[in-house]
Amino acid sequence: MTDTTIACDLCGLTVEVSGFTLKAKEGFKYFCCEGCKSIFQLLNEEQLLPKTSEPDSEFKSEINT
């Protein structure tokens, strides 16, 4: 099993917990905390899509690949 990390799409810190995600035109965006998620949401509102599915399974698969 490979230990893969995901970087926060705003600040670049390691994403250690799931749940701080947004669905954008380019795919799911992952964040290390609610603050980064909120700032990204404010700055990129036109790029976001309505949340239609939970990315937790994708998050877990990316961590475990």
Protein backbone atom coordinates (compact mmCIF):
# COMPACT_ATOMS: atom_id res chain seq x y z
CA MET A 1 0.00 0.00 0.00
CA THR A 2 1.38 3.36 -1.02
CA ASP A 3 1.12 6.29 1.36
CA THR A 4 -0.22 9.08 -0.87
CA THR A 5 -1.09 12.52 0.44
CA ILE A 6 -3.44 15.11 -0.99
CA ALA A 7 -2.52 18.79 -0.80
CA CYS A 8 -5.09 21.44 0.08
CA ASP A 9 -6.25 23.18 -3.12
CA LEU A 10 -5.88 26.57 -1.43
CA CYS A 11 -2.87 26.60 0.90
CA GLY A 12 -1.05 23.40 -0.03
CA LEU A 13 -1.02 21.81 3.42
CA THR A 14 -1.72 18.08 3.69
CA VAL A 15 -5.41 17.15 3.78
CA GLU A 16 -5.68 14.89 6.81
CA VAL A 17 -9.47 14.55 7.15
CA SER A 18 -12.27 14.21 4.63
CA GLY A 19 -15.31 16.43 4.58
CA PHE A 20 -13.82 19.73 3.43
CA THR A 21 -14.58 19.39 -0.28
CA LEU A 22 -16.24 21.31 -3.08
CA LYS A 23 -17.31 20.12 -6.51
CA ALA A 24 -15.87 22.31 -9.27
CA LYS A 25 -15.87 22.16 -13.06
CA GLU A 26 -12.43 20.49 -12.92
CA GLY A 27 -13.55 17.88 -10.37
CA PHE A 28 -13.58 17.72 -6.60
CA LYS A 29 -11.43 20.21 -4.67
CA TYR A 30 -9.99 19.12 -1.32
CA PHE A 31 -9.17 21.40 1.62
CA CYS A 32 -7.38 20.99 4.94
CA CYS A 33 -9.96 23.01 6.91
CA GLU A 34 -13.26 24.89 6.69
CA GLY A 35 -11.41 28.21 6.43
CA CYS A 36 -9.58 27.22 3.23
CA LYS A 37 -12.77 25.75 1.80
CA SER A 38 -14.71 28.96 2.50
CA ILE A 39 -12.05 31.25 1.04
CA PHE A 40 -11.79 29.13 -2.11
CA GLN A 41 -15.58 29.16 -2.40
CA LEU A 42 -15.70 32.97 -2.17
CA LEU A 43 -12.90 33.49 -4.69
CA ASN A 44 -14.04 30.87 -7.21
CA GLU A 45 -17.83 30.93 -6.96
CA GLU A 46 -18.34 30.81 -10.74
CA GLN A 47 -16.27 27.60 -11.02
CA LEU A 48 -18.30 25.62 -8.47
CA LEU A 49 -21.04 23.13 -9.27
CA PRO A 50 -23.96 22.01 -7.13
CA LYS A 51 -22.99 19.17 -4.82
CA THR A 52 -24.59 16.03 -6.27
CA SER A 53 -22.45 13.25 -4.80
CA GLU A 54 -20.21 12.65 -1.84
CA PRO A 55 -16.49 12.71 -2.66
CA ASP A 56 -15.52 10.73 0.46
CA SER A 57 -15.07 7.51 -1.53
CA GLU A 58 -12.86 9.35 -4.04
CA PHE A 59 -10.92 10.95 -1.17
CA LYS A 60 -10.30 7.55 0.43
CA SER A 61 -9.28 5.95 -2.86
CA GLU A 62 -6.84 8.78 -3.64
CA ILE A 63 -5.27 8.46 -0.19
CA ASN A 64 -4.92 4.68 -0.54
CA THR A 65 -3.50 4.60 -4.08
